[in-house]
Amino acid sequence: MAPLVVTLLRFGFLALIWIMILIVVMALRRDLGVGQRTRVAAGAAPTSAAPPAGPSEPERVIPHRLVVLEGPRAGTELPLAASPLLLGRAQEATLVLDDDYSSGRHARLFPQGSRWFLEDLGSTNGTFIDENQLTRAQPVEPGQRIRIGKTVMELRP
């Protein structure tokens, strides 16, 4: 091949690699940005000088444990710390689910500020919060039911 063709192929390959790197960086930036608007809105000061019209919002209850309510692992409690919890059938999961309807790496429960979020990791049968199937990471409040297959759990203070 002519040296010019080889050089053009090299530059084309290099450009393709840089495009792939930019796509990965943008995807990571989007994924790590979960909850940013919530934190900003919760910490923002009111813009008007008028007092709030209604009663003040009750203080948020911070959950400290994950409790399995129904399914093969009913009665199991896990303390919530600063690290995420992996839920699924895989042995490396934080909560190993003995449930035929769960995937190996089914879902991830992770803290973001003072809130906990649940994210489906591409499972076959889906992850649900109060009968609503997750399509993206969603905040989970204490008392809301999390369902993975036949396993039902909730966050508690």
N, C-alpha and C. Protein backbone atom coordinates (compact mmCIF):
# COMPACT_ATOMS: atom_id res chain seq x y z
N MET A 1 0.83 -1.18 0.00
CA MET A 1 0.00 0.00 0.00
C MET A 1 0.88 1.25 0.00
N ALA A 2 0.31 2.26 -0.51
CA ALA A 2 1.04 3.52 -0.57
C ALA A 2 1.14 4.11 0.83
N PRO A 3 2.24 4.79 1.12
CA PRO A 3 2.42 5.38 2.45
C PRO A 3 1.32 6.38 2.80
N LEU A 4 0.77 7.07 1.83
CA LEU A 4 -0.29 8.04 2.09
C LEU A 4 -1.56 7.32 2.58
N VAL A 5 -1.89 6.20 1.98
CA VAL A 5 -3.08 5.44 2.37
C VAL A 5 -2.92 4.92 3.80
N VAL A 6 -1.75 4.41 4.12
CA VAL A 6 -1.48 3.88 5.47
C VAL A 6 -1.60 5.01 6.49
N THR A 7 -1.06 6.17 6.18
CA THR A 7 -1.13 7.30 7.09
C THR A 7 -2.59 7.74 7.30
N LEU A 8 -3.37 7.80 6.23
CA LEU A 8 -4.78 8.17 6.34
C LEU A 8 -5.57 7.15 7.17
N LEU A 9 -5.28 5.86 6.99
CA LEU A 9 -5.93 4.82 7.80
C LEU A 9 -5.58 4.97 9.28
N ARG A 10 -4.33 5.29 9.57
CA ARG A 10 -3.91 5.49 10.95
C ARG A 10 -4.66 6.67 11.59
N PHE A 11 -4.75 7.79 10.87
CA PHE A 11 -5.46 8.95 11.39
C PHE A 11 -6.96 8.67 11.56
N GLY A 12 -7.53 7.93 10.63
CA GLY A 12 -8.94 7.55 10.75
C GLY A 12 -9.19 6.68 11.97
N PHE A 13 -8.30 5.73 12.19
CA PHE A 13 -8.42 4.86 13.37
C PHE A 13 -8.25 5.67 14.65
N LEU A 14 -7.33 6.58 14.68
CA LEU A 14 -7.12 7.44 15.84
C LEU A 14 -8.35 8.30 16.12
N ALA A 15 -8.95 8.86 15.08
CA ALA A 15 -10.17 9.66 15.24
C ALA A 15 -11.31 8.80 15.79
N LEU A 16 -11.44 7.58 15.33
CA LEU A 16 -12.48 6.67 15.81
C LEU A 16 -12.29 6.35 17.29
N ILE A 17 -11.06 6.14 17.71
CA ILE A 17 -10.77 5.88 19.13
C ILE A 17 -11.16 7.08 19.98
N TRP A 18 -10.83 8.31 19.52
CA TRP A 18 -11.18 9.51 20.30
C TRP A 18 -12.69 9.71 20.38
N ILE A 19 -13.40 9.40 19.32
CA ILE A 19 -14.87 9.50 19.35
C ILE A 19 -15.44 8.53 20.38
N MET A 20 -14.92 7.31 20.42
CA MET A 20 -15.39 6.32 21.40
C MET A 20 -15.09 6.78 22.82
N ILE A 21 -13.91 7.36 23.05
CA ILE A 21 -13.56 7.85 24.39
C ILE A 21 -14.51 8.98 24.81
N LEU A 22 -14.83 9.89 23.92
CA LEU A 22 -15.76 10.97 24.23
C LEU A 22 -17.15 10.44 24.56
N ILE A 23 -17.61 9.42 23.85
CA ILE A 23 -18.92 8.83 24.13
C ILE A 23 -18.93 8.21 25.52
N VAL A 24 -17.87 7.50 25.89
CA VAL A 24 -17.79 6.89 27.21
C VAL A 24 -17.77 7.96 28.30
N VAL A 25 -17.01 9.02 28.10
CA VAL A 25 -16.93 10.09 29.10
C VAL A 25 -18.29 10.76 29.26
N MET A 26 -19.00 11.01 28.18
CA MET A 26 -20.32 11.63 28.27
C MET A 26 -21.30 10.71 28.99
N ALA A 27 -21.24 9.40 28.73
CA ALA A 27 -22.13 8.46 29.41
C ALA A 27 -21.83 8.41 30.91
N LEU A 28 -20.56 8.40 31.28
CA LEU A 28 -20.19 8.40 32.69
C LEU A 28 -20.64 9.68 33.37
N ARG A 29 -20.48 10.79 32.71
CA ARG A 29 -20.88 12.08 33.27
C ARG A 29 -22.39 12.11 33.51
N ARG A 30 -23.15 11.57 32.56
CA ARG A 30 -24.60 11.53 32.70
C ARG A 30 -25.00 10.58 33.84
N ASP A 31 -24.37 9.42 33.95
CA ASP A 31 -24.71 8.45 34.99
C ASP A 31 -24.34 8.95 36.37
N LEU A 32 -23.24 9.64 36.51
CA LEU A 32 -22.82 10.13 37.81
C LEU A 32 -23.57 11.37 38.23
N GLY A 33 -24.33 11.98 37.34
CA GLY A 33 -25.07 13.19 37.66
C GLY A 33 -26.43 12.91 38.28
N VAL A 34 -26.76 11.67 38.63
CA VAL A 34 -28.06 11.35 39.22
C VAL A 34 -28.23 12.09 40.52
N GLY A 35 -29.34 12.79 40.67
CA GLY A 35 -29.64 13.46 41.92
C GLY A 35 -29.04 14.84 42.08
N GLN A 36 -28.29 15.35 41.13
CA GLN A 36 -27.69 16.66 41.28
C GLN A 36 -28.74 17.75 41.39
N ARG A 37 -29.78 17.68 40.56
CA ARG A 37 -30.82 18.70 40.62
C ARG A 37 -31.56 18.64 41.95
N THR A 38 -31.75 17.45 42.48
CA THR A 38 -32.43 17.31 43.77
C THR A 38 -31.63 17.96 44.87
N ARG A 39 -30.32 17.75 44.89
CA ARG A 39 -29.48 18.34 45.93
C ARG A 39 -29.49 19.86 45.82
N VAL A 40 -29.41 20.39 44.62
CA VAL A 40 -29.39 21.84 44.44
C VAL A 40 -30.73 22.42 44.86
N ALA A 41 -31.84 21.80 44.46
CA ALA A 41 -33.16 22.32 44.79
C ALA A 41 -33.42 22.25 46.29
N ALA A 42 -32.97 21.17 46.93
CA ALA A 42 -33.22 21.02 48.36
C ALA A 42 -32.41 22.03 49.17
N GLY A 43 -31.23 22.38 48.69
CA GLY A 43 -30.38 23.29 49.45
C GLY A 43 -30.53 24.74 49.05
N ALA A 44 -31.35 25.03 48.05
CA ALA A 44 -31.49 26.40 47.56
C ALA A 44 -32.31 27.23 48.52
N ALA A 45 -31.94 28.48 48.65
CA ALA A 45 -32.69 29.40 49.51
C ALA A 45 -33.90 29.91 48.74
N PRO A 46 -34.97 30.22 49.44
CA PRO A 46 -36.14 30.76 48.75
C PRO A 46 -35.80 32.10 48.10
N THR A 47 -36.38 32.34 46.92
CA THR A 47 -36.05 33.56 46.19
C THR A 47 -36.90 34.74 46.64
N SER A 48 -38.07 34.49 47.22
CA SER A 48 -38.91 35.61 47.66
C SER A 48 -38.71 35.84 49.14
N ALA A 49 -39.01 37.06 49.58
CA ALA A 49 -38.86 37.42 50.99
C ALA A 49 -40.08 37.04 51.80
N ALA A 50 -41.18 36.62 51.14
CA ALA A 50 -42.41 36.27 51.84
C ALA A 50 -42.24 34.95 52.57
N PRO A 51 -42.88 34.79 53.73
CA PRO A 51 -42.80 33.52 54.44
C PRO A 51 -43.56 32.44 53.68
N PRO A 52 -43.24 31.16 53.91
CA PRO A 52 -43.93 30.09 53.21
C PRO A 52 -45.42 30.12 53.54
N ALA A 53 -46.25 29.78 52.54
CA ALA A 53 -47.70 29.87 52.69
C ALA A 53 -48.25 28.76 53.58
N GLY A 54 -47.73 27.54 53.45
CA GLY A 54 -48.28 26.40 54.18
C GLY A 54 -47.41 26.01 55.34
N PRO A 55 -47.78 24.91 56.00
CA PRO A 55 -46.96 24.42 57.11
C PRO A 55 -45.59 23.98 56.60
N SER A 56 -44.61 24.03 57.47
CA SER A 56 -43.26 23.66 57.05
C SER A 56 -43.21 22.18 56.74
N GLU A 57 -42.33 21.84 55.81
CA GLU A 57 -42.18 20.45 55.38
C GLU A 57 -41.55 19.63 56.51
N PRO A 58 -42.08 18.44 56.80
CA PRO A 58 -41.51 17.64 57.87
C PRO A 58 -40.08 17.21 57.52
N GLU A 59 -39.29 17.02 58.53
CA GLU A 59 -37.90 16.63 58.33
C GLU A 59 -37.84 15.23 57.72
N ARG A 60 -36.94 15.03 56.77
CA ARG A 60 -36.84 13.76 56.07
C ARG A 60 -36.30 12.69 57.00
N VAL A 61 -36.95 11.52 56.96
CA VAL A 61 -36.52 10.36 57.75
C VAL A 61 -35.41 9.67 56.98
N ILE A 62 -34.28 9.46 57.63
CA ILE A 62 -33.13 8.83 56.98
C ILE A 62 -33.14 7.34 57.32
N PRO A 63 -33.20 6.48 56.28
CA PRO A 63 -33.20 5.04 56.55
C PRO A 63 -31.82 4.54 56.97
N HIS A 64 -31.82 3.51 57.83
CA HIS A 64 -30.56 2.94 58.29
C HIS A 64 -30.46 1.44 58.04
N ARG A 65 -31.54 0.84 57.48
CA ARG A 65 -31.49 -0.61 57.21
C ARG A 65 -32.44 -0.97 56.08
N LEU A 66 -32.10 -2.07 55.41
CA LEU A 66 -32.92 -2.66 54.36
C LEU A 66 -33.50 -3.94 54.94
N VAL A 67 -34.83 -4.07 54.92
CA VAL A 67 -35.51 -5.22 55.52
C VAL A 67 -36.23 -5.99 54.42
N VAL A 68 -36.00 -7.31 54.35
CA VAL A 68 -36.70 -8.17 53.41
C VAL A 68 -38.01 -8.60 54.05
N LEU A 69 -39.14 -8.27 53.41
CA LEU A 69 -40.46 -8.54 53.95
C LEU A 69 -41.06 -9.84 53.44
N GLU A 70 -40.87 -10.14 52.15
CA GLU A 70 -41.45 -11.33 51.54
C GLU A 70 -40.41 -12.00 50.66
N GLY A 71 -40.57 -13.31 50.47
CA GLY A 71 -39.68 -14.06 49.61
C GLY A 71 -38.81 -15.01 50.41
N PRO A 72 -37.91 -15.71 49.73
CA PRO A 72 -37.07 -16.72 50.39
C PRO A 72 -36.20 -16.17 51.52
N ARG A 73 -35.83 -14.89 51.48
CA ARG A 73 -34.96 -14.30 52.50
C ARG A 73 -35.73 -13.41 53.48
N ALA A 74 -37.04 -13.65 53.65
CA ALA A 74 -37.88 -12.82 54.53
C ALA A 74 -37.29 -12.78 55.93
N GLY A 75 -37.28 -11.60 56.52
CA GLY A 75 -36.73 -11.40 57.86
C GLY A 75 -35.28 -10.94 57.86
N THR A 76 -34.61 -11.00 56.72
CA THR A 76 -33.22 -10.56 56.64
C THR A 76 -33.16 -9.05 56.72
N GLU A 77 -32.20 -8.53 57.50
CA GLU A 77 -31.98 -7.09 57.61
C GLU A 77 -30.53 -6.79 57.28
N LEU A 78 -30.32 -5.75 56.50
CA LEU A 78 -28.97 -5.29 56.16
C LEU A 78 -28.82 -3.84 56.61
N PRO A 79 -27.73 -3.52 57.31
CA PRO A 79 -27.51 -2.11 57.66
C PRO A 79 -27.09 -1.33 56.42
N LEU A 80 -27.55 -0.09 56.34
CA LEU A 80 -27.18 0.77 55.22
C LEU A 80 -25.98 1.62 55.65
N ALA A 81 -24.96 1.62 54.84
CA ALA A 81 -23.76 2.41 55.12
C ALA A 81 -23.56 3.37 53.95
N ALA A 82 -22.36 3.87 53.80
CA ALA A 82 -22.08 4.83 52.72
C ALA A 82 -21.82 4.13 51.39
N SER A 83 -21.68 2.81 51.38
CA SER A 83 -21.37 2.10 50.15
C SER A 83 -22.64 1.52 49.52
N PRO A 84 -22.66 1.37 48.20
CA PRO A 84 -23.83 0.82 47.51
C PRO A 84 -24.04 -0.65 47.85
N LEU A 85 -25.27 -1.12 47.67
CA LEU A 85 -25.61 -2.53 47.87
C LEU A 85 -25.96 -3.13 46.51
N LEU A 86 -25.37 -4.28 46.21
CA LEU A 86 -25.68 -5.01 45.00
C LEU A 86 -26.70 -6.08 45.36
N LEU A 87 -27.81 -6.12 44.63
CA LEU A 87 -28.87 -7.08 44.89
C LEU A 87 -28.97 -8.03 43.71
N GLY A 88 -29.00 -9.35 43.98
CA GLY A 88 -29.12 -10.33 42.90
C GLY A 88 -28.73 -11.72 43.34
N ARG A 89 -28.70 -12.65 42.40
CA ARG A 89 -28.39 -14.06 42.70
C ARG A 89 -26.90 -14.35 42.77
N ALA A 90 -26.07 -13.48 42.23
CA ALA A 90 -24.62 -13.71 42.20
C ALA A 90 -24.06 -13.77 43.61
N GLN A 91 -23.05 -14.58 43.81
CA GLN A 91 -22.45 -14.75 45.14
C GLN A 91 -21.75 -13.48 45.62
N GLU A 92 -21.32 -12.60 44.70
CA GLU A 92 -20.65 -11.37 45.12
C GLU A 92 -21.65 -10.27 45.49
N ALA A 93 -22.96 -10.53 45.37
CA ALA A 93 -23.97 -9.54 45.73
C ALA A 93 -23.98 -9.31 47.23
N THR A 94 -24.29 -8.09 47.63
CA THR A 94 -24.39 -7.76 49.05
C THR A 94 -25.56 -8.51 49.68
N LEU A 95 -26.69 -8.56 48.98
CA LEU A 95 -27.85 -9.35 49.39
C LEU A 95 -28.09 -10.38 48.30
N VAL A 96 -27.71 -11.64 48.59
CA VAL A 96 -27.89 -12.72 47.63
C VAL A 96 -29.35 -13.17 47.69
N LEU A 97 -30.05 -13.03 46.57
CA LEU A 97 -31.47 -13.38 46.50
C LEU A 97 -31.63 -14.80 45.98
N ASP A 98 -32.25 -15.65 46.77
CA ASP A 98 -32.54 -17.02 46.34
C ASP A 98 -33.88 -17.00 45.61
N ASP A 99 -33.92 -16.31 44.49
CA ASP A 99 -35.16 -16.06 43.77
C ASP A 99 -34.92 -16.35 42.29
N ASP A 100 -35.70 -17.28 41.73
CA ASP A 100 -35.53 -17.65 40.33
C ASP A 100 -35.83 -16.51 39.37
N TYR A 101 -36.54 -15.50 39.82
CA TYR A 101 -36.92 -14.38 38.96
C TYR A 101 -35.96 -13.21 39.06
N SER A 102 -34.86 -13.36 39.79
CA SER A 102 -33.87 -12.29 39.87
C SER A 102 -32.66 -12.67 39.02
N SER A 103 -31.97 -11.65 38.54
CA SER A 103 -30.76 -11.85 37.74
C SER A 103 -29.56 -11.90 38.67
N GLY A 104 -28.41 -12.31 38.14
CA GLY A 104 -27.19 -12.38 38.93
C GLY A 104 -26.83 -11.03 39.53
N ARG A 105 -26.78 -10.02 38.71
CA ARG A 105 -26.55 -8.63 39.15
C ARG A 105 -27.81 -7.88 38.78
N HIS A 106 -28.82 -7.94 39.64
CA HIS A 106 -30.16 -7.46 39.30
C HIS A 106 -30.31 -5.95 39.47
N ALA A 107 -29.97 -5.44 40.65
CA ALA A 107 -30.19 -4.02 40.93
C ALA A 107 -29.13 -3.51 41.90
N ARG A 108 -29.02 -2.19 41.97
CA ARG A 108 -28.07 -1.54 42.86
C ARG A 108 -28.80 -0.48 43.66
N LEU A 109 -28.60 -0.49 44.97
CA LEU A 109 -29.16 0.50 45.88
C LEU A 109 -27.98 1.34 46.36
N PHE A 110 -28.01 2.65 46.08
CA PHE A 110 -26.85 3.47 46.40
C PHE A 110 -27.25 4.81 47.02
N PRO A 111 -26.39 5.33 47.92
CA PRO A 111 -26.68 6.63 48.54
C PRO A 111 -26.24 7.77 47.65
N GLN A 112 -27.00 8.85 47.70
CA GLN A 112 -26.66 10.08 46.98
C GLN A 112 -27.09 11.22 47.90
N GLY A 113 -26.14 11.81 48.59
CA GLY A 113 -26.47 12.83 49.59
C GLY A 113 -27.15 12.16 50.77
N SER A 114 -28.34 12.64 51.14
CA SER A 114 -29.07 12.03 52.26
C SER A 114 -30.15 11.07 51.77
N ARG A 115 -30.20 10.79 50.47
CA ARG A 115 -31.23 9.92 49.90
C ARG A 115 -30.61 8.64 49.36
N TRP A 116 -31.46 7.63 49.20
CA TRP A 116 -31.05 6.36 48.60
C TRP A 116 -31.75 6.22 47.26
N PHE A 117 -31.02 5.72 46.27
CA PHE A 117 -31.56 5.52 44.93
C PHE A 117 -31.46 4.05 44.56
N LEU A 118 -32.42 3.58 43.75
CA LEU A 118 -32.43 2.21 43.27
C LEU A 118 -32.31 2.25 41.76
N GLU A 119 -31.45 1.38 41.23
CA GLU A 119 -31.18 1.33 39.81
C GLU A 119 -31.23 -0.11 39.34
N ASP A 120 -31.99 -0.38 38.29
CA ASP A 120 -32.02 -1.71 37.68
C ASP A 120 -30.78 -1.86 36.81
N LEU A 121 -30.11 -3.00 36.91
CA LEU A 121 -28.87 -3.21 36.18
C LEU A 121 -29.08 -4.05 34.91
N GLY A 122 -30.19 -3.81 34.22
CA GLY A 122 -30.47 -4.54 32.98
C GLY A 122 -31.02 -5.93 33.24
N SER A 123 -31.79 -6.10 34.29
CA SER A 123 -32.34 -7.40 34.64
C SER A 123 -33.37 -7.86 33.62
N THR A 124 -33.64 -9.16 33.62
CA THR A 124 -34.61 -9.73 32.69
C THR A 124 -36.04 -9.41 33.10
N ASN A 125 -36.35 -9.54 34.39
CA ASN A 125 -37.73 -9.39 34.86
C ASN A 125 -38.05 -8.04 35.49
N GLY A 126 -37.10 -7.15 35.57
CA GLY A 126 -37.35 -5.80 36.05
C GLY A 126 -37.27 -5.64 37.55
N THR A 127 -37.19 -4.39 37.97
CA THR A 127 -37.15 -3.99 39.38
C THR A 127 -38.28 -2.99 39.57
N PHE A 128 -39.00 -3.10 40.70
CA PHE A 128 -40.19 -2.29 40.92
C PHE A 128 -40.11 -1.55 42.24
N ILE A 129 -40.61 -0.30 42.24
CA ILE A 129 -40.84 0.46 43.48
C ILE A 129 -42.33 0.73 43.51
N ASP A 130 -43.01 0.20 44.52
CA ASP A 130 -44.47 0.37 44.65
C ASP A 130 -45.19 0.10 43.33
N GLU A 131 -44.95 -1.03 42.71
CA GLU A 131 -45.61 -1.49 41.48
C GLU A 131 -45.22 -0.70 40.23
N ASN A 132 -44.30 0.25 40.33
CA ASN A 132 -43.82 0.99 39.17
C ASN A 132 -42.46 0.45 38.76
N GLN A 133 -42.35 -0.03 37.51
CA GLN A 133 -41.08 -0.58 37.04
C GLN A 133 -40.07 0.52 36.78
N LEU A 134 -38.84 0.27 37.20
CA LEU A 134 -37.77 1.26 37.02
C LEU A 134 -37.30 1.29 35.58
N THR A 135 -37.12 2.49 35.05
CA THR A 135 -36.51 2.67 33.74
C THR A 135 -35.20 3.42 33.87
N ARG A 136 -34.98 4.02 35.06
CA ARG A 136 -33.73 4.72 35.37
C ARG A 136 -33.61 4.74 36.89
N ALA A 137 -32.53 5.25 37.41
CA ALA A 137 -32.35 5.31 38.86
C ALA A 137 -33.43 6.20 39.48
N GLN A 138 -34.05 5.71 40.54
CA GLN A 138 -35.14 6.43 41.20
C GLN A 138 -34.85 6.54 42.69
N PRO A 139 -35.25 7.65 43.34
CA PRO A 139 -35.10 7.74 44.79
C PRO A 139 -36.08 6.80 45.48
N VAL A 140 -35.64 6.23 46.60
CA VAL A 140 -36.48 5.33 47.39
C VAL A 140 -36.65 5.94 48.77
N GLU A 141 -37.89 6.13 49.19
CA GLU A 141 -38.18 6.67 50.50
C GLU A 141 -38.46 5.53 51.47
N PRO A 142 -38.22 5.72 52.76
CA PRO A 142 -38.54 4.68 53.74
C PRO A 142 -40.02 4.31 53.65
N GLY A 143 -40.29 3.01 53.67
CA GLY A 143 -41.66 2.51 53.59
C GLY A 143 -42.10 2.15 52.19
N GLN A 144 -41.42 2.61 51.16
CA GLN A 144 -41.78 2.23 49.80
C GLN A 144 -41.34 0.78 49.57
N ARG A 145 -42.16 0.01 48.89
CA ARG A 145 -41.88 -1.40 48.63
C ARG A 145 -40.99 -1.54 47.41
N ILE A 146 -39.90 -2.28 47.56
CA ILE A 146 -38.99 -2.61 46.47
C ILE A 146 -39.25 -4.08 46.15
N ARG A 147 -39.55 -4.39 44.87
CA ARG A 147 -39.82 -5.78 44.50
C ARG A 147 -38.87 -6.22 43.41
N ILE A 148 -38.21 -7.35 43.67
CA ILE A 148 -37.35 -8.02 42.71
C ILE A 148 -37.83 -9.47 42.67
N GLY A 149 -38.50 -9.86 41.59
CA GLY A 149 -39.07 -11.20 41.51
C GLY A 149 -40.11 -11.39 42.61
N LYS A 150 -39.93 -12.42 43.44
CA LYS A 150 -40.86 -12.68 44.55
C LYS A 150 -40.38 -12.05 45.85
N THR A 151 -39.26 -11.38 45.82
CA THR A 151 -38.70 -10.76 47.00
C THR A 151 -39.18 -9.32 47.13
N VAL A 152 -39.73 -8.98 48.29
CA VAL A 152 -40.21 -7.63 48.58
C VAL A 152 -39.43 -7.11 49.78
N MET A 153 -38.93 -5.90 49.67
CA MET A 153 -38.13 -5.30 50.75
C MET A 153 -38.44 -3.82 50.84
N GLU A 154 -37.98 -3.20 51.94
CA GLU A 154 -38.16 -1.76 52.09
C GLU A 154 -37.06 -1.19 52.97
N LEU A 155 -36.87 0.12 52.84
CA LEU A 155 -35.92 0.83 53.67
C LEU A 155 -36.64 1.25 54.95
N ARG A 156 -35.93 1.14 56.08
CA ARG A 156 -36.52 1.55 57.35
C ARG A 156 -35.51 2.36 58.15
N PRO A 157 -36.03 3.27 59.02
CA PRO A 157 -35.12 4.07 59.84
C PRO A 157 -34.41 3.24 60.90
